PDB file of N, CA and C in Angstrom:
ATOM      1  N   MET A   1       0.875  -1.035   0.119  1.00  0.00           N
ATOM      2  CA  MET A   1       0.458   0.027  -0.276  1.00  0.00           C
ATOM      3  C   MET A   1       1.035   1.210   0.432  1.00  0.00           C
ATOM      4  N   ALA A   2       0.054   2.061  -1.099  1.00  0.00           N
ATOM      5  CA  ALA A   2       1.260   3.417  -0.794  1.00  0.00           C
ATOM      6  C   ALA A   2       0.050   4.616  -1.305  1.00  0.00           C
ATOM      7  N   GLN A   3       0.408   5.576  -0.288  1.00  0.00           N
ATOM      8  CA  GLN A   3      -0.711   7.214  -0.720  1.00  0.00           C
ATOM      9  C   GLN A   3      -0.089   8.236  -1.277  1.00  0.00           C
ATOM     10  N   ASN A   4      -0.130   8.359  -2.639  1.00  0.00           N
ATOM     11  CA  ASN A   4      -0.052   9.679  -2.966  1.00  0.00           C
ATOM     12  C   ASN A   4       0.356  10.666  -2.363  1.00  0.00           C
ATOM     13  N   ALA A   5       1.094  11.711  -1.508  1.00  0.00           N
ATOM     14  CA  ALA A   5       1.163  12.459  -0.960  1.00  0.00           C
ATOM     15  C   ALA A   5       0.889  13.935  -1.461  1.00  0.00           C
ATOM     16  N   HIS A   6       0.852  13.653  -3.172  1.00  0.00           N
ATOM     17  CA  HIS A   6      -0.023  15.357  -3.985  1.00  0.00           C
ATOM     18  C   HIS A   6      -1.199  15.347  -4.471  1.00  0.00           C
ATOM     19  N   ASN A   7      -2.074  14.014  -3.751  1.00  0.00           N
ATOM     20  CA  ASN A   7      -3.085  13.915  -4.287  1.00  0.00           C
ATOM     21  C   ASN A   7      -4.145  13.236  -3.222  1.00  0.00           C
ATOM     22  N   ALA A   8      -3.349  12.925  -2.747  1.00  0.00           N
ATOM     23  CA  ALA A   8      -4.054  11.457  -1.467  1.00  0.00           C
ATOM     24  C   ALA A   8      -4.898  10.481  -2.200  1.00  0.00           C
ATOM     25  N   VAL A   9      -3.979  10.056  -3.200  1.00  0.00           N
ATOM     26  CA  VAL A   9      -5.089   8.663  -3.787  1.00  0.00           C
ATOM     27  C   VAL A   9      -4.366   7.705  -2.958  1.00  0.00           C
ATOM     28  N   ILE A  10      -4.617   6.252  -2.965  1.00  0.00           N
ATOM     29  CA  ILE A  10      -4.094   5.337  -1.849  1.00  0.00           C
ATOM     30  C   ILE A  10      -3.930   4.372  -2.842  1.00  0.00           C
ATOM     31  N   HIS A  11      -2.965   3.511  -3.721  1.00  0.00           N
ATOM     32  CA  HIS A  11      -2.416   2.911  -4.174  1.00  0.00           C
ATOM     33  C   HIS A  11      -2.232   1.375  -3.257  1.00  0.00           C
ATOM     34  N   LEU A  12      -2.893  -0.004  -3.428  1.00  0.00           N
ATOM     35  CA  LEU A  12      -3.342  -1.151  -3.340  1.00  0.00           C
ATOM     36  C   LEU A  12      -2.993  -1.997  -4.055  1.00  0.00           C
ATOM     37  N   GLY A  13      -1.785  -2.894  -3.625  1.00  0.00           N
ATOM     38  CA  GLY A  13      -1.482  -4.172  -4.300  1.00  0.00           C
ATOM     39  C   GLY A  13      -2.520  -5.498  -3.889  1.00  0.00           C
ATOM     40  N   HIS A  14      -3.004  -6.459  -4.274  1.00  0.00           N
ATOM     41  CA  HIS A  14      -3.706  -7.263  -4.059  1.00  0.00           C
ATOM     42  C   HIS A  14      -3.211  -8.399  -4.568  1.00  0.00           C
ATOM     43  N   GLN A  15      -3.461  -9.650  -3.986  1.00  0.00           N
ATOM     44  CA  GLN A  15      -3.142 -11.185  -3.903  1.00  0.00           C
ATOM     45  C   GLN A  15      -3.253 -11.829  -5.480  1.00  0.00           C
ATOM     46  N   ASN A  16      -4.234 -10.870  -5.751  1.00  0.00           N
ATOM     47  CA  ASN A  16      -4.888 -11.499  -7.386  1.00  0.00           C
ATOM     48  C   ASN A  16      -4.110 -10.594  -8.680  1.00  0.00           C
ATOM     49  N   GLY A  17      -2.335  -9.853  -8.459  1.00  0.00           N
ATOM     50  CA  GLY A  17      -2.130  -9.157  -9.323  1.00  0.00           C
ATOM     51  C   GLY A  17      -2.381  -7.916  -9.553  1.00  0.00           C
ATOM     52  N   CYS A  18      -3.385  -7.492  -8.851  1.00  0.00           N
ATOM     53  CA  CYS A  18      -4.131  -6.509  -9.488  1.00  0.00           C
ATOM     54  C   CYS A  18      -3.629  -4.949  -8.723  1.00  0.00           C
ATOM     55  N   VAL A  19      -3.258  -4.024  -9.012  1.00  0.00           N
ATOM     56  CA  VAL A  19      -3.451  -2.737  -8.294  1.00  0.00           C
ATOM     57  C   VAL A  19      -4.912  -1.784  -8.489  1.00  0.00           C
ATOM     58  N   THR A  20      -5.204  -1.287  -7.480  1.00  0.00           N
ATOM     59  CA  THR A  20      -5.910  -0.422  -7.188  1.00  0.00           C
ATOM     60  C   THR A  20      -5.963   0.444  -6.637  1.00  0.00           C
ATOM     61  N   LEU A  21      -6.272   1.394  -7.202  1.00  0.00           N
ATOM     62  CA  LEU A  21      -6.295   3.437  -6.685  1.00  0.00           C
ATOM     63  C   LEU A  21      -7.780   3.791  -5.903  1.00  0.00           C
ATOM     64  N   TRP A  22      -7.408   4.197  -4.589  1.00  0.00           N
ATOM     65  CA  TRP A  22      -9.069   4.302  -4.222  1.00  0.00           C
ATOM     66  C   TRP A  22      -9.186   6.240  -3.774  1.00  0.00           C
ATOM     67  N   THR A  23      -9.804   6.652  -4.035  1.00  0.00           N
ATOM     68  CA  THR A  23      -9.932   8.462  -3.836  1.00  0.00           C
ATOM     69  C   THR A  23     -10.864   8.834  -2.434  1.00  0.00           C
ATOM     70  N   PRO A  24     -10.929   9.581  -1.493  1.00  0.00           N
ATOM     71  CA  PRO A  24     -12.112   9.894  -0.728  1.00  0.00           C
ATOM     72  C   PRO A  24     -13.287   9.656  -1.049  1.00  0.00           C
ATOM     73  N   ASN A  25     -13.541  10.399  -2.150  1.00  0.00           N
ATOM     74  CA  ASN A  25     -14.907  10.522  -2.536  1.00  0.00           C
ATOM     75  C   ASN A  25     -15.890   9.269  -3.625  1.00  0.00           C
ATOM     76  N   LEU A  26     -15.022   8.566  -3.888  1.00  0.00           N
ATOM     77  CA  LEU A  26     -15.730   7.241  -4.843  1.00  0.00           C
ATOM     78  C   LEU A  26     -15.643   6.028  -3.956  1.00  0.00           C
ATOM     79  N   PRO A  27     -16.843   5.497  -3.803  1.00  0.00           N
ATOM     80  CA  PRO A  27     -17.433   3.799  -3.349  1.00  0.00           C
ATOM     81  C   PRO A  27     -16.434   2.589  -4.381  1.00  0.00           C
ATOM     82  N   HIS A  28     -15.992   3.076  -4.714  1.00  0.00           N
ATOM     83  CA  HIS A  28     -15.396   1.867  -5.835  1.00  0.00           C
ATOM     84  C   HIS A  28     -14.095   2.519  -6.345  1.00  0.00           C
ATOM     85  N   PRO A  29     -13.147   1.460  -6.751  1.00  0.00           N
ATOM     86  CA  PRO A  29     -11.457   1.910  -6.944  1.00  0.00           C
ATOM     87  C   PRO A  29     -11.669   3.077  -8.288  1.00  0.00           C
ATOM     88  N   ALA A  30     -10.858   3.930  -8.176  1.00  0.00           N
ATOM     89  CA  ALA A  30     -11.058   5.490  -9.572  1.00  0.00           C
ATOM     90  C   ALA A  30      -9.983   4.125 -10.652  1.00  0.00           C
ATOM     91  N   VAL A  31      -9.014   3.114 -10.286  1.00  0.00           N
ATOM     92  CA  VAL A  31      -8.682   2.494 -11.323  1.00  0.00           C
ATOM     93  C   VAL A  31      -8.186   1.131 -10.994  1.00  0.00           C
ATOM     94  N   GLN A  32      -8.609   0.155 -11.480  1.00  0.00           N
ATOM     95  CA  GLN A  32      -8.369  -1.074 -11.188  1.00  0.00           C
ATOM     96  C   GLN A  32      -7.094  -1.719 -12.952  1.00  0.00           C
ATOM     97  N   LEU A  33      -6.008  -2.178 -12.436  1.00  0.00           N
ATOM     98  CA  LEU A  33      -5.625  -3.104 -13.620  1.00  0.00           C
ATOM     99  C   LEU A  33      -4.942  -4.139 -13.182  1.00  0.00           C
ATOM    100  N   LEU A  34      -4.612  -4.993 -14.066  1.00  0.00           N
ATOM    101  CA  LEU A  34      -3.929  -6.368 -13.894  1.00  0.00           C
ATOM    102  C   LEU A  34      -2.236  -6.252 -13.965  1.00  0.00           C
ATOM    103  N   ALA A  35      -1.875  -6.139 -13.198  1.00  0.00           N
ATOM    104  CA  ALA A  35      -0.363  -5.309 -12.974  1.00  0.00           C
ATOM    105  C   ALA A  35       0.817  -6.944 -12.989  1.00  0.00           C
ATOM    106  N   HIS A  36       0.566  -8.059 -12.108  1.00  0.00           N
ATOM    107  CA  HIS A  36       1.367  -8.945 -12.345  1.00  0.00           C
ATOM    108  C   HIS A  36       0.779 -10.381 -12.706  1.00  0.00           C
ATOM    109  N   VAL A  37       1.003 -11.141 -13.008  1.00  0.00           N
ATOM    110  CA  VAL A  37       0.492 -12.466 -12.448  1.00  0.00           C
ATOM    111  C   VAL A  37       0.700 -13.210 -11.272  1.00  0.00           C
ATOM    112  N   GLY A  38       0.154 -13.197 -10.448  1.00  0.00           N
ATOM    113  CA  GLY A  38       0.258 -13.911  -9.169  1.00  0.00           C
ATOM    114  C   GLY A  38       0.353 -12.490  -8.009  1.00  0.00           C
ATOM    115  N   PRO A  39       0.630 -12.673  -7.080  1.00  0.00           N
ATOM    116  CA  PRO A  39       0.409 -11.833  -5.975  1.00  0.00           C
ATOM    117  C   PRO A  39       1.256 -10.128  -6.189  1.00  0.00           C
ATOM    118  N   VAL A  40       0.614  -9.040  -5.959  1.00  0.00           N
ATOM    119  CA  VAL A  40       1.498  -7.873  -5.719  1.00  0.00           C
ATOM    120  C   VAL A  40       2.199  -8.158  -4.270  1.00  0.00           C
ATOM    121  N   VAL A  41       3.475  -7.687  -4.014  1.00  0.00           N
ATOM    122  CA  VAL A  41       4.653  -7.633  -3.202  1.00  0.00           C
ATOM    123  C   VAL A  41       4.477  -5.947  -2.647  1.00  0.00           C
ATOM    124  N   SER A  42       4.320  -5.186  -3.145  1.00  0.00           N
ATOM    125  CA  SER A  42       4.883  -3.582  -2.948  1.00  0.00           C
ATOM    126  C   SER A  42       4.190  -2.992  -4.095  1.00  0.00           C
ATOM    127  N   VAL A  43       3.954  -1.752  -3.298  1.00  0.00           N
ATOM    128  CA  VAL A  43       3.711  -0.867  -4.606  1.00  0.00           C
ATOM    129  C   VAL A  43       4.641   0.485  -3.605  1.00  0.00           C
ATOM    130  N   HIS A  44       4.408   1.281  -4.952  1.00  0.00           N
ATOM    131  CA  HIS A  44       5.422   2.877  -4.097  1.00  0.00           C
ATOM    132  C   HIS A  44       4.852   3.862  -5.417  1.00  0.00           C
ATOM    133  N   VAL A  45       4.854   5.275  -5.092  1.00  0.00           N
ATOM    134  CA  VAL A  45       4.597   6.382  -5.522  1.00  0.00           C
ATOM    135  C   VAL A  45       5.494   6.885  -5.530  1.00  0.00           C
ATOM    136  N   ASP A  46       6.600   7.639  -6.693  1.00  0.00           N
ATOM    137  CA  ASP A  46       7.568   8.496  -6.889  1.00  0.00           C
ATOM    138  C   ASP A  46       6.931  10.071  -6.311  1.00  0.00           C
ATOM    139  N   PRO A  47       7.721  10.174  -5.165  1.00  0.00           N
ATOM    140  CA  PRO A  47       6.985  11.517  -4.570  1.00  0.00           C
ATOM    141  C   PRO A  47       7.869  13.380  -5.196  1.00  0.00           C
ATOM    142  N   SER A  48       8.749  12.790  -6.163  1.00  0.00           N
ATOM    143  CA  SER A  48       9.787  13.847  -6.390  1.00  0.00           C
ATOM    144  C   SER A  48       9.599  14.189  -8.127  1.00  0.00           C
ATOM    145  N   GLN A  49       8.407  13.182  -8.446  1.00  0.00           N
ATOM    146  CA  GLN A  49       7.759  13.357 -10.071  1.00  0.00           C
ATOM    147  C   GLN A  49       6.388  13.752  -9.672  1.00  0.00           C
ATOM    148  N   GLY A  50       6.148  14.418  -8.618  1.00  0.00           N
ATOM    149  CA  GLY A  50       4.396  14.510  -8.457  1.00  0.00           C
ATOM    150  C   GLY A  50       3.497  14.281  -8.415  1.00  0.00           C
ATOM    151  N   GLY A  51       3.925  12.594  -7.954  1.00  0.00           N
ATOM    152  CA  GLY A  51       2.893  11.486  -7.962  1.00  0.00           C
ATOM    153  C   GLY A  51       3.050  10.743  -9.108  1.00  0.00           C
ATOM    154  N   ARG A  52       3.763  11.694 -10.568  1.00  0.00           N
ATOM    155  CA  ARG A  52       3.369  11.011 -11.423  1.00  0.00           C
ATOM    156  C   ARG A  52       3.216   9.911 -11.903  1.00  0.00           C
ATOM    157  N   TYR A  53       4.168   9.007 -11.006  1.00  0.00           N
ATOM    158  CA  TYR A  53       4.682   7.771 -11.177  1.00  0.00           C
ATOM    159  C   TYR A  53       4.232   6.559 -10.294  1.00  0.00           C
ATOM    160  N   MET A  54       3.996   5.439 -10.386  1.00  0.00           N
ATOM    161  CA  MET A  54       4.084   4.289  -9.500  1.00  0.00           C
ATOM    162  C   MET A  54       4.693   3.310  -9.972  1.00  0.00           C
ATOM    163  N   ALA A  55       5.184   2.684  -9.231  1.00  0.00           N
ATOM    164  CA  ALA A  55       5.607   1.228  -9.007  1.00  0.00           C
ATOM    165  C   ALA A  55       5.328   0.080  -8.309  1.00  0.00           C
ATOM    166  N   SER A  56       5.086  -0.875  -9.117  1.00  0.00           N
ATOM    167  CA  SER A  56       4.756  -2.002  -8.658  1.00  0.00           C
ATOM    168  C   SER A  56       5.851  -3.238  -8.478  1.00  0.00           C
ATOM    169  N   ALA A  57       5.593  -4.431  -7.343  1.00  0.00           N
ATOM    170  CA  ALA A  57       6.662  -5.400  -7.500  1.00  0.00           C
ATOM    171  C   ALA A  57       5.625  -6.578  -7.633  1.00  0.00           C
ATOM    172  N   GLY A  58       6.277  -7.612  -8.155  1.00  0.00           N
ATOM    173  CA  GLY A  58       4.828  -9.008  -7.919  1.00  0.00           C
ATOM    174  C   GLY A  58       5.683  -9.924  -7.689  1.00  0.00           C
ATOM    175  N   ARG A  59       5.522 -11.165  -7.345  1.00  0.00           N
ATOM    176  CA  ARG A  59       5.617 -12.173  -7.004  1.00  0.00           C
ATOM    177  C   ARG A  59       6.094 -12.856  -7.959  1.00  0.00           C
ATOM    178  N   ASP A  60       5.876 -12.848  -9.231  1.00  0.00           N
ATOM    179  CA  ASP A  60       6.235 -13.241 -10.542  1.00  0.00           C
ATOM    180  C   ASP A  60       7.603 -12.984 -10.786  1.00  0.00           C
ATOM    181  N   GLY A  61       8.191 -11.952 -10.158  1.00  0.00           N
ATOM    182  CA  GLY A  61       9.693 -11.719 -10.388  1.00  0.00           C
ATOM    183  C   GLY A  61       9.528 -10.379 -11.134  1.00  0.00           C
ATOM    184  N   THR A  62       8.539  -9.595 -11.534  1.00  0.00           N
ATOM    185  CA  THR A  62       8.707  -8.317 -12.333  1.00  0.00           C
ATOM    186  C   THR A  62       8.288  -6.848 -11.350  1.00  0.00           C
ATOM    187  N   VAL A  63       9.017  -5.914 -12.228  1.00  0.00           N
ATOM    188  CA  VAL A  63       9.302  -4.646 -11.479  1.00  0.00           C
ATOM    189  C   VAL A  63       8.377  -3.741 -12.984  1.00  0.00           C
ATOM    190  N   LYS A  64       7.496  -3.118 -12.556  1.00  0.00           N
ATOM    191  CA  LYS A  64       6.829  -2.415 -13.531  1.00  0.00           C
ATOM    192  C   LYS A  64       6.855  -0.836 -13.280  1.00  0.00           C
ATOM    193  N   VAL A  65       6.644  -0.144 -14.018  1.00  0.00           N
ATOM    194  CA  VAL A  65       7.091   1.569 -13.590  1.00  0.00           C
ATOM    195  C   VAL A  65       5.739   1.762 -14.771  1.00  0.00           C
ATOM    196  N   TRP A  66       5.119   2.484 -13.876  1.00  0.00           N
ATOM    197  CA  TRP A  66       3.207   3.008 -14.317  1.00  0.00           C
ATOM    198  C   TRP A  66       3.399   4.612 -14.678  1.00  0.00           C
ATOM    199  N   ASP A  67       2.948   4.984 -15.358  1.00  0.00           N
ATOM    200  CA  ASP A  67       2.298   6.994 -15.230  1.00  0.00           C
ATOM    201  C   ASP A  67       0.998   7.107 -14.883  1.00  0.00           C
ATOM    202  N   CYS A  68       0.835   7.527 -14.135  1.00  0.00           N
ATOM    203  CA  CYS A  68      -0.131   7.694 -13.290  1.00  0.00           C
ATOM    204  C   CYS A  68      -1.050   8.514 -14.058  1.00  0.00           C
ATOM    205  N   ARG A  69      -0.585   9.101 -15.283  1.00  0.00           N
ATOM    206  CA  ARG A  69      -1.478  10.143 -15.881  1.00  0.00           C
ATOM    207  C   ARG A  69      -2.019   9.533 -17.382  1.00  0.00           C
ATOM    208  N   ASN A  70      -1.930   8.356 -17.156  1.00  0.00           N
ATOM    209  CA  ASN A  70      -2.697   7.105 -17.949  1.00  0.00           C
ATOM    210  C   ASN A  70      -2.116   5.905 -17.795  1.00  0.00           C
ATOM    211  N   TRP A  71      -2.823   4.991 -17.596  1.00  0.00           N
ATOM    212  CA  TRP A  71      -2.677   3.536 -17.007  1.00  0.00           C
ATOM    213  C   TRP A  71      -2.924   2.815 -18.822  1.00  0.00           C
ATOM    214  N   LYS A  72      -2.098   2.995 -20.066  1.00  0.00           N
ATOM    215  CA  LYS A  72      -1.884   2.423 -21.093  1.00  0.00           C
ATOM    216  C   LYS A  72      -1.194   1.155 -20.774  1.00  0.00           C
ATOM    217  N   GLY A  73      -0.575   0.952 -19.675  1.00  0.00           N
ATOM    218  CA  GLY A  73       0.591   0.128 -19.615  1.00  0.00           C
ATOM    219  C   GLY A  73       1.936   0.530 -19.072  1.00  0.00           C
ATOM    220  N   ALA A  74       2.685  -0.140 -18.967  1.00  0.00           N
ATOM    221  CA  ALA A  74       3.645  -0.216 -18.014  1.00  0.00           C
ATOM    222  C   ALA A  74       4.599   0.669 -18.667  1.00  0.00           C
ATOM    223  N   VAL A  75       5.397   1.334 -18.284  1.00  0.00           N
ATOM    224  CA  VAL A  75       6.440   2.352 -18.943  1.00  0.00           C
ATOM    225  C   VAL A  75       7.932   1.418 -19.047  1.00  0.00           C
ATOM    226  N   ARG A  76       7.700   0.963 -18.227  1.00  0.00           N
ATOM    227  CA  ARG A  76       9.110   0.278 -18.122  1.00  0.00           C
ATOM    228  C   ARG A  76       9.040  -1.107 -17.500  1.00  0.00           C
ATOM    229  N   ASP A  77       9.758  -2.264 -17.372  1.00  0.00           N
ATOM    230  CA  ASP A  77       9.418  -3.304 -16.704  1.00  0.00           C
ATOM    231  C   ASP A  77      10.762  -4.309 -16.550  1.00  0.00           C
ATOM    232  N   TRP A  78      11.227  -4.542 -15.933  1.00  0.00           N
ATOM    233  CA  TRP A  78      11.779  -5.577 -15.732  1.00  0.00           C
ATOM    234  C   TRP A  78      11.940  -6.907 -14.945  1.00  0.00           C
ATOM    235  N   VAL A  79      12.691  -7.874 -15.192  1.00  0.00           N
ATOM    236  CA  VAL A  79      12.499  -9.253 -14.506  1.00  0.00           C
ATOM    237  C   VAL A  79      13.926  -8.825 -12.956  1.00  0.00           C
ATOM    238  N   VAL A  80      13.358  -9.788 -11.935  1.00  0.00           N
ATOM    239  CA  VAL A  80      14.210  -9.485 -11.092  1.00  0.00           C
ATOM    240  C   VAL A  80      14.739 -10.873 -11.203  1.00  0.00           C
ATOM    241  N   ARG A  81      16.070 -11.205 -10.789  1.00  0.00           N
ATOM    242  CA  ARG A  81      16.784 -12.240 -11.121  1.00  0.00           C
ATOM    243  C   ARG A  81      17.349 -12.860  -9.642  1.00  0.00           C
ATOM    244  N   GLY A  82      17.350 -14.060  -9.885  1.00  0.00           N
ATOM    245  CA  GLY A  82      16.835 -14.640  -7.781  1.00  0.00           C
ATOM    246  C   GLY A  82      15.845 -14.844  -7.570  1.00  0.00           C
ATOM    247  N   GLY A  83      14.617 -14.572  -8.363  1.00  0.00           N
ATOM    248  CA  GLY A  83      13.388 -14.933  -7.905  1.00  0.00           C
ATOM    249  C   GLY A  83      12.825 -14.358  -6.143  1.00  0.00           C
ATOM    250  N   GLY A  84      12.386 -14.904  -5.474  1.00  0.00           N
ATOM    251  CA  GLY A  84      11.794 -13.743  -4.128  1.00  0.00           C
ATOM    252  C   GLY A  84      10.636 -12.652  -4.614  1.00  0.00           C
ATOM    253  N   ASP A  85      10.753 -11.814  -3.073  1.00  0.00           N
ATOM    254  CA  ASP A  85       9.847 -11.091  -3.399  1.00  0.00           C
ATOM    255  C   ASP A  85      11.060  -9.771  -3.514  1.00  0.00           C
ATOM    256  N   VAL A  86      10.192  -8.765  -3.874  1.00  0.00           N
ATOM    257  CA  VAL A  86      11.184  -7.761  -4.231  1.00  0.00           C
ATOM    258  C   VAL A  86      10.649  -5.733  -3.067  1.00  0.00           C
ATOM    259  N   GLU A  87      10.919  -5.896  -2.148  1.00  0.00           N
ATOM    260  CA  GLU A  87      10.762  -4.850  -2.138  1.00  0.00           C
ATOM    261  C   GLU A  87      11.032  -3.224  -2.548  1.00  0.00           C
ATOM    262  N   LEU A  88      10.132  -2.374  -2.649  1.00  0.00           N
ATOM    263  CA  LEU A  88      10.653  -1.065  -3.352  1.00  0.00           C
ATOM    264  C   LEU A  88      10.704   0.129  -2.211  1.00  0.00           C
TER     265      LEU A  88
END
């Protein structure tokens, strides 16, 4: 779980590989995306770019960087060698 300090949006990673974004004024996720095959183990919002980028890590061994201004897919992704959980 991470909070975007610039707009108070909460970013949650889930066991099913989804990341959801929640705002205080909506009863449902503002954004829901399938980020990983398997559980999301870490989510982080970049504070230096006005909260524009989010990184997610999955138990599938991938780390992905997302542009929070649009959700057309990861802008960068890579596979972590050695397996195991990745903390951001």
